[in-house]
Amino acid sequence: MRIALAQLNYHIGDFENNIAHIKSCIHKAKTLPADVVIFSELAVCGYPPRDFLEFDDFISKCRDGILSIAEECKDIAVIVGAPSVNPSDKGKPLYNSAYFLAEGKIQAVFHKTLLPNYDVFDEYRYFEPNRLPYAVVEYKKYKFAVTICEDIWNITDDPLYVRNPMDELILLNPDLVINIAASPFHYGQPKRRRDVLIRNAKKYKLPFFFLNHVGGQTELLFDGGSMVVNPEGNVFDEMNYFEEDLRVYNLNDFIYKDKKEYREDANTPSKIELIHDALVMGIRDYFGKMELKTAILGLSGGIDSAVTLVLAARALGSENVRAILLPSHFSSEHSKQDAIELADRLNIKHDIIEIDKAYSAFEDLLKPWFEDLPFNLTEENIQARARAVILMALSNKFGYILLNTSNKSEAAVGYGTLYGDMCGGISVLGDVYKTQVYELASWINRKKEIIPQNTIDKPPSAELRPGQKDSDSLPDYSILDKILYGYIELRKGPNELIQEGFDKEMVKRVLKLVNTSEYKRYQTPPILRVSPKAFGTGRRMPIVGKYLS
């Protein structure tokens, strides 16, 4: 039995190209040759389809796609994910299903039981969990247990779940387990998935074939990393990260002969490399799937815009990125030189547009109201908004998409200007803490200096007033990021953080900044998700909440 895993990049709602891509891989798998080729969860329509699932026409196209794919299943079987209609008048109208196709038709349909409804997931909004008796499908004398993503994650006696799919499937004596998934990336997820698969393989003493999506779907990024684990719990093979892949495995060879030892993180890149590759893919797919080509950003000479520029150049090509320097009389000469040097090193076209005239025009316009009042945050924000007006004007005139360069630390505490440096079409670093931005810069420079060392070494500053430093307004990032990580990712309250040794007043101040800045985050661009708890769909907080305020 030869099984092919087709790790593909799908486009939500692009049925024509998704189906053509699947068919192309079926034909290729036949030539390898393979007996079965497997595609991922909701492959036909792309994941996550969200409220598209509420359109009858969308569901009809899914069904037509399955029937069209089935016609190609001659001399090969296919497992592929798509929604299916719940024939009962009870429960949700749809199932999240896996279709087994062979001999030109649908041979079996399996429904997902455990529907994730946490963080970025809201599958229970659309799908009915499987309540039918479990079944396996037999093909060429092998029994396949077909599962969908979350159905293999519940391997404990957690009372939250009435059913554990694997515990029931194992009673049917399958020869192998197939798990088709749409498992979004965050930097800890590759190891978590590997651990789950290894524990399952050891517990049930069966080989597991895990197939994941790859590609960016706006803020959600899928890393691939599909793998095969043998019954002893050894990772037999792990597919590429952040790119499409197609591989064939001989079931008999690796079950009975291969004894390759599992090595911790054998093929997985480091955390910072994963983040880097995820962001590059996220930018590339956002532009590609939106049929966009060129990006623009404000290049300040600071670390955030520098890292964003490098990522954009790697994702889109230097010829498709435009850097605009927007200095004021507060901008330091070394920042301008650092920005120019980086753009030159990357062979990116750059322009310098002084904002002093625009800033002075606003000052004169508002003088009757601001006269005799001291310079404060208002004037700083006017500079940021003047820059945004210029960048958006260039974006509109020439068809560029503005890349937002704010980092997660700034977004968390509201250290940014609405309709100023917080605007853009996509937020590249909005899920990357400031300390991680420095790690990315060091990783980018690991072989040769790309980002000027001065950009990395100098104290961070928005340069909106004389001698300004971020540390004037915020705790040191090495401390701030630890507090933010504890509160946002780990959901620790103030007392827990204080007990860990953080200053009481600092904790109260930081957490209050996070909570009172929620209204700003509601108005930011989509943020590429690389952490276990990103701002956006996976973190839903009330704007007017009183907690900790």
Protein backbone atom coordinates (compact mmCIF):
# COMPACT_ATOMS: atom_id res chain seq x y z
CA MET A 1 0.00 0.00 0.00
CA ARG A 2 1.50 3.30 -1.13
CA ILE A 3 0.01 6.42 0.46
CA ALA A 4 0.63 9.93 -0.86
CA LEU A 5 0.28 13.04 1.32
CA ALA A 6 -0.48 16.19 -0.66
CA GLN A 7 0.34 19.23 1.45
CA LEU A 8 -1.18 22.10 -0.55
CA ASN A 9 -1.90 25.81 -0.31
CA TYR A 10 -5.61 26.48 -0.85
CA HIS A 11 -7.48 29.74 -1.42
CA ILE A 12 -10.75 30.15 0.45
CA GLY A 13 -13.68 30.11 -1.97
CA ASP A 14 -11.52 29.67 -5.09
CA PHE A 15 -13.16 26.42 -6.10
CA GLU A 16 -11.86 26.40 -9.66
CA ASN A 17 -8.20 26.61 -8.70
CA ASN A 18 -8.48 24.50 -5.54
CA ILE A 19 -10.11 21.66 -7.46
CA ALA A 20 -7.69 21.96 -10.37
CA HIS A 21 -4.78 21.80 -7.93
CA ILE A 22 -6.23 18.71 -6.24
CA LYS A 23 -6.79 16.98 -9.58
CA SER A 24 -3.26 17.79 -10.72
CA CYS A 25 -1.88 16.15 -7.58
CA ILE A 26 -4.10 13.11 -8.11
CA HIS A 27 -2.63 12.66 -11.57
CA LYS A 28 0.89 13.14 -10.24
CA ALA A 29 0.27 10.65 -7.41
CA LYS A 30 -0.81 8.06 -9.96
CA THR A 31 2.52 8.33 -11.72
CA LEU A 32 4.61 7.97 -8.54
CA PRO A 33 2.70 5.56 -8.12
CA ALA A 34 0.35 5.77 -5.13
CA ASP A 35 -2.70 3.74 -4.18
CA VAL A 36 -4.23 6.52 -2.06
CA VAL A 37 -3.67 10.27 -2.07
CA ILE A 38 -4.76 12.38 0.88
CA PHE A 39 -5.74 16.06 1.00
CA SER A 40 -6.41 18.19 4.05
CA GLU A 41 -9.41 19.36 6.04
CA LEU A 42 -11.94 21.45 4.05
CA ALA A 43 -9.49 21.40 1.15
CA VAL A 44 -12.16 21.89 -1.48
CA CYS A 45 -13.29 25.26 -0.13
CA GLY A 46 -10.25 26.32 1.91
CA TYR A 47 -10.01 26.91 5.65
CA PRO A 48 -11.49 28.76 7.48
CA PRO A 49 -14.50 29.52 5.24
CA ARG A 50 -16.38 31.17 8.13
CA ASP A 51 -19.71 32.75 7.11
CA PHE A 52 -19.31 31.64 3.50
CA LEU A 53 -20.71 28.41 4.93
CA GLU A 54 -24.06 30.15 5.38
CA PHE A 55 -24.49 30.53 1.59
CA ASP A 56 -26.34 27.68 -0.14
CA ASP A 57 -24.43 28.39 -3.35
CA PHE A 58 -21.12 27.96 -1.52
CA ILE A 59 -22.18 24.55 -0.20
CA SER A 60 -23.42 23.52 -3.65
CA LYS A 61 -20.03 24.37 -5.11
CA CYS A 62 -18.38 22.22 -2.43
CA ARG A 63 -20.60 19.29 -3.36
CA ASP A 64 -20.00 19.78 -7.09
CA GLY A 65 -16.28 19.91 -6.39
CA ILE A 66 -16.33 16.59 -4.56
CA LEU A 67 -18.24 14.92 -7.41
CA SER A 68 -15.81 16.37 -9.94
CA ILE A 69 -12.81 15.09 -7.96
CA ALA A 70 -14.45 11.66 -7.63
CA GLU A 71 -14.48 11.32 -11.41
CA GLU A 72 -10.66 11.41 -11.35
CA CYS A 73 -10.48 8.55 -8.85
CA LYS A 74 -9.85 5.71 -11.23
CA ASP A 75 -7.06 3.34 -10.17
CA ILE A 76 -6.47 5.50 -7.11
CA ALA A 77 -8.43 6.42 -3.98
CA VAL A 78 -8.67 9.92 -2.52
CA ILE A 79 -9.39 11.26 0.96
CA VAL A 80 -10.34 14.94 0.90
CA GLY A 81 -12.06 17.40 3.22
CA ALA A 82 -15.21 19.41 2.47
CA PRO A 83 -18.42 20.40 4.25
CA SER A 84 -21.38 18.07 3.93
CA VAL A 85 -25.07 18.63 4.55
CA ASN A 86 -26.66 17.30 7.73
CA PRO A 87 -29.79 15.47 6.48
CA SER A 88 -31.44 15.74 9.88
CA ASP A 89 -33.57 18.71 10.87
CA LYS A 90 -31.86 18.62 14.26
CA GLY A 91 -28.62 20.41 15.00
CA LYS A 92 -26.48 22.53 12.72
CA PRO A 93 -27.07 22.22 8.97
CA LEU A 94 -23.52 21.09 8.11
CA TYR A 95 -20.82 18.63 9.04
CA ASN A 96 -17.08 19.14 8.68
CA SER A 97 -16.38 16.00 6.70
CA ALA A 98 -13.76 13.80 5.07
CA TYR A 99 -14.76 12.05 1.85
CA PHE A 100 -13.34 8.72 0.75
CA LEU A 101 -13.49 8.60 -3.05
CA ALA A 102 -12.73 5.57 -5.22
CA GLU A 103 -13.89 3.98 -8.46
CA GLY A 104 -15.31 7.30 -9.62
CA LYS A 105 -17.71 7.89 -6.74
CA ILE A 106 -18.12 8.69 -3.05
CA GLN A 107 -17.54 5.50 -1.08
CA ALA A 108 -17.78 6.88 2.47
CA VAL A 109 -18.11 10.14 4.40
CA PHE A 110 -16.69 10.70 7.89
CA HIS A 111 -17.67 13.62 10.10
CA LYS A 112 -15.61 15.54 12.63
CA THR A 113 -16.64 14.94 16.23
CA LEU A 114 -14.62 17.38 18.32
CA LEU A 115 -15.26 20.87 17.00
CA PRO A 116 -12.78 23.44 18.34
CA ASN A 117 -14.47 26.53 19.68
CA TYR A 118 -11.60 28.41 21.30
CA ASP A 119 -9.01 31.02 20.34
CA VAL A 120 -9.20 31.46 16.53
CA PHE A 121 -11.65 28.55 16.10
CA ASP A 122 -15.43 28.83 15.98
CA GLU A 123 -16.41 25.62 14.20
CA TYR A 124 -19.38 24.97 16.46
CA ARG A 125 -20.92 28.12 15.00
CA TYR A 126 -21.35 26.25 11.70
CA PHE A 127 -20.99 22.51 12.14
CA GLU A 128 -22.81 19.74 13.91
CA PRO A 129 -20.50 17.32 15.74
CA ASN A 130 -20.61 13.72 14.62
CA ARG A 131 -23.09 11.73 16.67
CA LEU A 132 -23.24 8.71 14.36
CA PRO A 133 -21.56 5.37 15.07
CA TYR A 134 -17.92 5.35 14.00
CA ALA A 135 -16.81 3.40 10.97
CA VAL A 136 -13.66 2.54 9.07
CA VAL A 137 -13.30 2.07 5.34
CA GLU A 138 -11.53 -0.92 3.81
CA TYR A 139 -9.44 -0.43 0.69
CA LYS A 140 -7.12 -3.03 -0.83
CA LYS A 141 -7.31 -5.15 2.33
CA TYR A 142 -6.38 -2.29 4.68
CA LYS A 143 -8.78 -0.68 7.13
CA PHE A 144 -8.50 3.11 7.30
CA ALA A 145 -9.61 5.07 10.35
CA VAL A 146 -10.22 8.56 8.95
CA THR A 147 -10.16 11.39 11.48
CA ILE A 148 -10.26 15.16 11.22
CA CYS A 149 -7.82 17.40 13.11
CA GLU A 150 -9.13 17.81 16.70
CA ASP A 151 -10.44 14.24 16.79
CA ILE A 152 -6.99 12.90 17.70
CA TRP A 153 -6.15 15.64 20.22
CA ASN A 154 -8.40 14.36 23.00
CA ILE A 155 -6.36 11.38 24.17
CA THR A 156 -7.06 11.70 27.89
CA ASP A 157 -10.12 10.96 29.98
CA ASP A 158 -11.18 14.60 29.87
CA PRO A 159 -14.78 14.70 31.16
CA LEU A 160 -15.45 17.71 28.94
CA TYR A 161 -15.90 15.35 26.01
CA VAL A 162 -18.60 12.73 25.92
CA ARG A 163 -16.80 10.83 23.18
CA ASN A 164 -13.20 10.16 22.41
CA PRO A 165 -13.15 9.29 18.69
CA MET A 166 -9.94 7.27 18.82
CA ASP A 167 -11.11 5.13 21.72
CA GLU A 168 -14.14 4.13 19.67
CA LEU A 169 -12.34 3.76 16.36
CA ILE A 170 -9.74 1.43 17.83
CA LEU A 171 -12.52 -1.07 18.58
CA LEU A 172 -12.97 -1.46 14.81
CA ASN A 173 -9.42 -2.79 14.39
CA PRO A 174 -8.06 -0.30 11.84
CA ASP A 175 -4.65 -0.85 10.25
CA LEU A 176 -3.74 2.83 10.16
CA VAL A 177 -5.08 6.26 11.13
CA ILE A 178 -5.43 9.16 8.71
CA ASN A 179 -5.79 12.63 10.19
CA ILE A 180 -6.59 15.47 7.82
CA ALA A 181 -6.17 18.84 9.47
CA ALA A 182 -6.24 22.61 9.20
CA SER A 183 -3.97 23.32 12.14
CA PRO A 184 -2.93 27.00 12.21
CA PHE A 185 0.62 27.95 13.00
CA HIS A 186 2.05 29.49 16.09
CA TYR A 187 5.65 29.05 17.12
CA GLY A 188 4.83 26.36 19.69
CA GLN A 189 2.42 24.38 17.52
CA PRO A 190 4.85 22.14 15.56
CA LYS A 191 6.13 20.54 18.76
CA ARG A 192 2.60 20.22 20.22
CA ARG A 193 1.35 18.44 17.11
CA ARG A 194 4.33 16.11 17.08
CA ASP A 195 3.80 15.22 20.73
CA VAL A 196 0.11 14.50 20.14
CA LEU A 197 0.85 12.23 17.19
CA ILE A 198 3.60 10.37 19.03
CA ARG A 199 1.40 9.78 22.08
CA ASN A 200 -1.45 8.57 19.89
CA ALA A 201 0.77 6.19 17.93
CA LYS A 202 2.19 4.70 21.12
CA LYS A 203 -1.18 4.46 22.84
CA TYR A 204 -3.02 2.80 19.95
CA LYS A 205 0.00 1.05 18.43
CA LEU A 206 -0.92 2.20 14.95
CA PRO A 207 0.77 4.28 12.25
CA PHE A 208 -0.55 7.84 11.98
CA PHE A 209 -0.59 9.85 8.76
CA PHE A 210 -1.11 13.53 9.58
CA LEU A 211 -1.77 16.01 6.76
CA ASN A 212 -1.94 19.75 7.33
CA HIS A 213 -2.71 22.85 5.29
CA VAL A 214 0.07 25.21 4.24
CA GLY A 215 -0.27 28.88 3.33
CA GLY A 216 -1.64 32.16 4.60
CA GLN A 217 -5.33 32.93 4.98
CA THR A 218 -5.18 36.63 5.95
CA GLU A 219 -4.10 36.55 9.61
CA LEU A 220 -4.12 32.76 9.97
CA LEU A 221 -0.96 31.06 8.78
CA PHE A 222 -0.64 27.32 8.14
CA ASP A 223 2.85 25.87 8.33
CA GLY A 224 2.41 22.42 6.83
CA GLY A 225 4.76 20.16 8.75
CA SER A 226 2.67 17.10 7.85
CA MET A 227 4.17 13.90 9.19
CA VAL A 228 4.06 10.15 9.44
CA VAL A 229 4.57 8.42 12.80
CA ASN A 230 5.08 4.68 13.13
CA PRO A 231 3.41 2.45 15.76
CA GLU A 232 6.42 2.71 18.06
CA GLY A 233 5.99 6.48 18.21
CA ASN A 234 8.96 7.32 15.97
CA VAL A 235 8.58 10.15 13.49
CA PHE A 236 9.14 8.38 10.21
CA ASP A 237 9.09 11.55 8.16
CA GLU A 238 8.17 15.22 8.46
CA MET A 239 7.24 17.25 5.40
CA ASN A 240 8.42 20.75 4.57
CA TYR A 241 7.38 23.81 6.50
CA PHE A 242 5.77 26.82 4.81
CA GLU A 243 5.76 25.30 1.34
CA GLU A 244 3.79 22.78 -0.65
CA ASP A 245 4.98 19.19 -0.61
CA LEU A 246 3.94 15.82 -2.03
CA ARG A 247 5.42 12.57 -0.76
CA VAL A 248 4.60 8.88 -1.06
CA TYR A 249 5.06 6.34 1.72
CA ASN A 250 5.09 2.55 1.48
CA LEU A 251 2.98 1.42 4.41
CA ASN A 252 4.64 -1.96 4.74
CA ASP A 253 8.16 -0.57 4.68
CA PHE A 254 7.82 1.79 7.57
CA ILE A 255 5.51 -0.29 9.72
CA TYR A 256 7.52 -3.46 9.67
CA LYS A 257 11.06 -2.58 8.60
CA ASP A 258 12.07 0.97 9.37
CA LYS A 259 13.25 1.62 12.95
CA LYS A 260 14.36 5.23 12.51
CA GLU A 261 14.71 6.76 15.97
CA TYR A 262 12.74 9.86 16.82
CA ARG A 263 14.95 12.85 17.58
CA GLU A 264 13.56 15.88 19.41
CA ASP A 265 12.89 18.67 16.88
CA ALA A 266 14.80 16.70 14.26
CA ASN A 267 13.45 18.62 11.30
CA THR A 268 11.79 21.61 12.91
CA PRO A 269 13.42 25.02 12.48
CA SER A 270 14.18 27.17 15.51
CA LYS A 271 11.46 29.37 17.00
CA ILE A 272 12.79 32.58 15.48
CA GLU A 273 13.29 30.92 12.08
CA LEU A 274 9.71 29.64 12.22
CA ILE A 275 8.47 33.16 12.95
CA HIS A 276 10.57 34.60 10.13
CA ASP A 277 9.38 32.03 7.57
CA ALA A 278 5.76 32.34 8.71
CA LEU A 279 5.78 36.12 8.26
CA VAL A 280 7.39 35.91 4.82
CA MET A 281 4.78 33.37 3.73
CA GLY A 282 1.99 35.44 5.30
CA ILE A 283 2.95 38.56 3.38
CA ARG A 284 3.38 36.63 0.13
CA ASP A 285 0.03 34.87 0.36
CA TYR A 286 -1.87 37.96 1.49
CA PHE A 287 -0.69 39.79 -1.59
CA GLY A 288 -1.00 36.81 -3.91
CA LYS A 289 -4.49 35.78 -2.86
CA MET A 290 -5.73 39.39 -2.94
CA GLU A 291 -4.19 39.75 -6.42
CA LEU A 292 -1.95 42.53 -5.15
CA LYS A 293 1.65 43.02 -6.18
CA THR A 294 3.40 46.01 -4.65
CA ALA A 295 3.90 47.20 -1.08
CA ILE A 296 4.88 50.50 0.47
CA LEU A 297 6.00 51.35 3.97
CA GLY A 298 7.45 54.20 5.97
CA LEU A 299 11.12 53.52 6.65
CA SER A 300 12.22 55.39 9.76
CA GLY A 301 15.65 53.96 10.49
CA GLY A 302 14.17 52.10 13.47
CA ILE A 303 14.22 48.38 14.08
CA ASP A 304 10.54 47.67 13.34
CA SER A 305 10.39 49.21 9.88
CA ALA A 306 13.81 47.73 9.07
CA VAL A 307 12.71 44.16 9.86
CA THR A 308 9.41 44.70 8.03
CA LEU A 309 11.26 45.90 4.94
CA VAL A 310 13.49 42.82 4.87
CA LEU A 311 10.51 40.48 5.28
CA ALA A 312 8.57 42.28 2.55
CA ALA A 313 11.52 42.13 0.15
CA ARG A 314 11.89 38.40 0.74
CA ALA A 315 8.16 37.83 0.29
CA LEU A 316 7.49 40.02 -2.73
CA GLY A 317 10.87 40.75 -4.29
CA SER A 318 12.78 44.00 -3.86
CA GLU A 319 11.36 45.36 -7.10
CA ASN A 320 7.84 45.21 -5.63
CA VAL A 321 8.55 47.13 -2.44
CA ARG A 322 8.80 50.92 -2.08
CA ALA A 323 10.34 52.57 1.00
CA ILE A 324 9.46 56.13 1.93
CA LEU A 325 11.54 58.12 4.40
CA LEU A 326 9.41 60.77 6.09
CA PRO A 327 11.75 62.75 8.33
CA SER A 328 10.85 65.79 10.40
CA HIS A 329 13.13 68.26 12.16
CA PHE A 330 13.03 65.84 15.12
CA SER A 331 14.47 62.96 13.06
CA SER A 332 18.11 62.19 13.73
CA GLU A 333 20.64 62.18 10.93
CA HIS A 334 21.80 58.66 11.81
CA SER A 335 18.24 57.33 11.47
CA LYS A 336 17.99 58.74 7.95
CA GLN A 337 21.36 57.29 7.02
CA ASP A 338 20.47 53.87 8.50
CA ALA A 339 17.24 53.80 6.49
CA ILE A 340 18.99 54.75 3.23
CA GLU A 341 21.73 52.19 3.84
CA LEU A 342 19.22 49.39 4.39
CA ALA A 343 17.19 50.27 1.30
CA ASP A 344 20.38 50.33 -0.77
CA ARG A 345 21.52 46.97 0.59
CA LEU A 346 18.19 45.44 -0.37
CA ASN A 347 18.15 47.20 -3.74
CA ILE A 348 14.80 48.78 -2.86
CA LYS A 349 13.77 52.06 -4.40
CA HIS A 350 13.34 54.73 -1.77
CA ASP A 351 12.21 58.33 -1.63
CA ILE A 352 12.60 61.05 0.97
CA ILE A 353 9.59 63.25 1.67
CA GLU A 354 10.07 65.84 4.40
CA ILE A 355 6.96 66.29 6.53
CA ASP A 356 7.85 69.66 8.08
CA LYS A 357 5.73 71.64 5.62
CA ALA A 358 2.69 69.45 6.28
CA TYR A 359 3.28 69.58 10.02
CA SER A 360 3.68 73.38 9.99
CA ALA A 361 0.48 73.72 7.94
CA PHE A 362 -1.45 71.84 10.60
CA GLU A 363 0.18 73.92 13.32
CA ASP A 364 -0.87 77.13 11.57
CA LEU A 365 -4.37 75.81 10.93
CA LEU A 366 -4.87 74.87 14.58
CA LYS A 367 -3.07 77.84 16.07
CA PRO A 368 -6.27 79.74 17.00
CA TRP A 369 -7.29 76.81 19.19
CA PHE A 370 -3.87 75.65 20.41
CA GLU A 371 -2.31 79.07 21.05
CA ASP A 372 -0.48 79.31 24.38
CA LEU A 373 -0.93 75.58 25.01
CA PRO A 374 2.26 73.51 25.48
CA PHE A 375 3.61 70.99 22.96
CA ASN A 376 2.38 67.53 23.96
CA LEU A 377 1.13 64.23 22.57
CA THR A 378 -1.20 66.10 20.21
CA GLU A 379 1.68 67.49 18.17
CA GLU A 380 3.41 64.11 18.18
CA ASN A 381 0.28 62.48 16.77
CA ILE A 382 -0.04 65.15 14.08
CA GLN A 383 3.39 64.10 12.79
CA ALA A 384 2.39 60.43 12.70
CA ARG A 385 -0.87 61.26 10.92
CA ALA A 386 0.87 63.51 8.41
CA ARG A 387 3.11 60.58 7.52
CA ALA A 388 0.08 58.31 7.18
CA VAL A 389 -1.68 60.77 4.85
CA ILE A 390 1.37 60.83 2.57
CA LEU A 391 1.78 57.04 2.58
CA MET A 392 -1.90 56.45 1.90
CA ALA A 393 -1.88 59.03 -0.89
CA LEU A 394 0.99 57.18 -2.58
CA SER A 395 -0.83 53.92 -1.94
CA ASN A 396 -4.01 55.19 -3.60
CA LYS A 397 -2.27 56.84 -6.53
CA PHE A 398 0.07 53.99 -7.46
CA GLY A 399 -1.76 50.91 -6.15
CA TYR A 400 0.62 50.08 -3.31
CA ILE A 401 -0.59 48.31 -0.17
CA LEU A 402 0.70 49.94 2.99
CA LEU A 403 2.47 47.58 5.38
CA ASN A 404 1.93 48.36 9.05
CA THR A 405 5.17 48.13 11.04
CA SER A 406 3.91 48.32 14.66
CA ASN A 407 5.02 45.52 16.98
CA LYS A 408 3.00 43.60 19.57
CA SER A 409 4.48 45.44 22.56
CA GLU A 410 3.32 48.77 21.14
CA ALA A 411 -0.07 47.41 20.12
CA ALA A 412 -0.56 45.94 23.59
CA VAL A 413 -0.07 49.18 25.52
CA GLY A 414 -1.47 51.56 22.91
CA TYR A 415 1.91 53.09 22.08
CA GLY A 416 0.84 54.11 18.60
CA THR A 417 -1.26 56.70 16.81
CA LEU A 418 -4.67 55.83 15.42
CA TYR A 419 -4.88 56.84 11.75
CA GLY A 420 -1.14 57.38 11.93
CA ASP A 421 1.49 54.69 12.38
CA MET A 422 -1.29 52.18 13.16
CA CYS A 423 -2.79 52.28 9.65
CA GLY A 424 -2.08 49.85 6.82
CA GLY A 425 -3.45 46.90 4.87
CA ILE A 426 -1.74 44.16 6.89
CA SER A 427 0.18 44.23 10.16
CA VAL A 428 3.43 42.32 9.74
CA LEU A 429 4.86 42.52 13.28
CA GLY A 430 1.68 43.00 15.30
CA ASP A 431 2.10 39.58 16.93
CA VAL A 432 5.86 39.94 17.50
CA TYR A 433 7.04 41.48 20.76
CA LYS A 434 9.75 44.13 20.60
CA THR A 435 12.35 41.79 22.08
CA GLN A 436 11.45 39.25 19.38
CA VAL A 437 11.86 41.93 16.72
CA TYR A 438 15.46 42.29 17.86
CA GLU A 439 15.85 38.50 17.70
CA LEU A 440 14.52 38.57 14.13
CA ALA A 441 16.99 41.29 13.22
CA SER A 442 19.87 39.26 14.64
CA TRP A 443 18.68 36.16 12.79
CA ILE A 444 18.43 38.13 9.53
CA ASN A 445 22.01 39.33 10.11
CA ARG A 446 23.34 35.90 11.15
CA LYS A 447 25.46 35.44 7.99
CA LYS A 448 26.13 39.01 6.99
CA GLU A 449 25.01 42.47 8.05
CA ILE A 450 21.82 43.36 6.22
CA ILE A 451 20.13 45.56 8.79
CA PRO A 452 22.64 48.26 9.85
CA GLN A 453 24.07 47.41 13.25
CA ASN A 454 23.36 50.94 14.43
CA THR A 455 19.64 50.31 13.88
CA ILE A 456 19.88 47.35 16.25
CA ASP A 457 22.11 48.99 18.85
CA LYS A 458 20.54 52.44 19.29
CA PRO A 459 17.83 53.00 21.94
CA PRO A 460 14.37 52.70 20.34
CA SER A 461 12.62 56.01 19.72
CA ALA A 462 9.65 57.35 17.77
CA GLU A 463 11.61 60.61 17.27
CA LEU A 464 8.53 62.78 17.68
CA ARG A 465 10.13 65.25 20.08
CA PRO A 466 13.71 66.24 20.98
CA GLY A 467 15.67 63.43 22.62
CA GLN A 468 12.66 61.12 22.83
CA LYS A 469 13.15 57.48 23.81
CA ASP A 470 10.56 54.71 24.19
CA SER A 471 11.83 54.22 27.75
CA ASP A 472 10.50 57.71 28.61
CA SER A 473 6.97 56.33 28.30
CA LEU A 474 7.33 52.59 28.81
CA PRO A 475 9.23 50.15 31.02
CA ASP A 476 12.30 48.58 29.47
CA TYR A 477 11.13 46.16 26.78
CA SER A 478 12.95 43.24 28.42
CA ILE A 479 10.62 43.71 31.43
CA LEU A 480 7.54 44.95 29.61
CA ASP A 481 7.44 41.98 27.26
CA LYS A 482 7.60 39.50 30.13
CA ILE A 483 4.63 41.17 31.83
CA LEU A 484 2.71 41.31 28.56
CA TYR A 485 3.47 37.66 27.77
CA GLY A 486 2.27 36.61 31.21
CA TYR A 487 -0.96 38.57 30.86
CA ILE A 488 -1.78 37.99 27.18
CA GLU A 489 -0.42 34.53 26.33
CA LEU A 490 -0.56 32.93 29.79
CA ARG A 491 -3.68 34.79 31.03
CA LYS A 492 -2.13 35.54 34.40
CA GLY A 493 -3.82 38.15 36.58
CA PRO A 494 -2.03 41.00 38.36
CA ASN A 495 -1.57 39.14 41.65
CA GLU A 496 0.15 36.23 39.92
CA LEU A 497 2.51 38.58 38.08
CA ILE A 498 3.32 40.50 41.25
CA GLN A 499 4.03 37.22 43.08
CA GLU A 500 6.52 36.39 40.32
CA GLY A 501 8.55 39.43 41.34
CA PHE A 502 7.35 42.19 39.03
CA ASP A 503 6.89 45.62 40.59
CA LYS A 504 3.30 46.08 41.78
CA GLU A 505 2.80 49.58 40.40
CA MET A 506 4.39 48.64 37.08
CA VAL A 507 2.10 45.63 36.71
CA LYS A 508 -0.99 47.71 37.46
CA ARG A 509 0.09 50.41 35.02
CA VAL A 510 0.94 48.00 32.20
CA LEU A 511 -2.25 45.97 32.54
CA LYS A 512 -4.34 49.12 32.64
CA LEU A 513 -2.66 50.30 29.43
CA VAL A 514 -3.45 46.97 27.77
CA ASN A 515 -7.11 47.07 28.72
CA THR A 516 -7.73 50.74 27.95
CA SER A 517 -6.09 50.39 24.53
CA GLU A 518 -8.59 47.78 23.34
CA TYR A 519 -10.50 50.35 21.27
CA LYS A 520 -7.34 51.05 19.28
CA ARG A 521 -6.79 47.41 18.45
CA TYR A 522 -10.32 47.15 17.09
CA GLN A 523 -9.24 49.64 14.40
CA THR A 524 -5.94 48.08 13.32
CA PRO A 525 -5.20 46.04 10.19
CA PRO A 526 -5.30 42.23 10.27
CA ILE A 527 -2.29 40.92 12.20
CA LEU A 528 -0.25 37.96 10.96
CA ARG A 529 -0.55 35.40 13.78
CA VAL A 530 2.62 33.70 15.01
CA SER A 531 1.98 33.36 18.76
CA PRO A 532 -0.44 31.22 20.77
CA LYS A 533 -2.53 34.33 21.61
CA ALA A 534 -2.57 37.06 18.99
CA PHE A 535 -4.63 40.22 18.91
CA GLY A 536 -7.57 39.74 16.55
CA THR A 537 -10.06 36.90 16.16
CA GLY A 538 -8.36 34.76 18.80
CA ARG A 539 -8.52 37.36 21.59
CA ARG A 540 -11.92 38.89 22.11
CA MET A 541 -12.08 41.51 24.84
CA PRO A 542 -14.77 44.09 25.58
CA ILE A 543 -13.76 47.66 24.86
CA VAL A 544 -15.68 49.04 27.85
CA GLY A 545 -14.68 46.29 30.29
CA LYS A 546 -13.82 47.40 33.83
CA TYR A 547 -11.52 44.49 34.76
CA LEU A 548 -8.24 45.78 36.26
CA SER A 549 -8.97 49.37 35.25
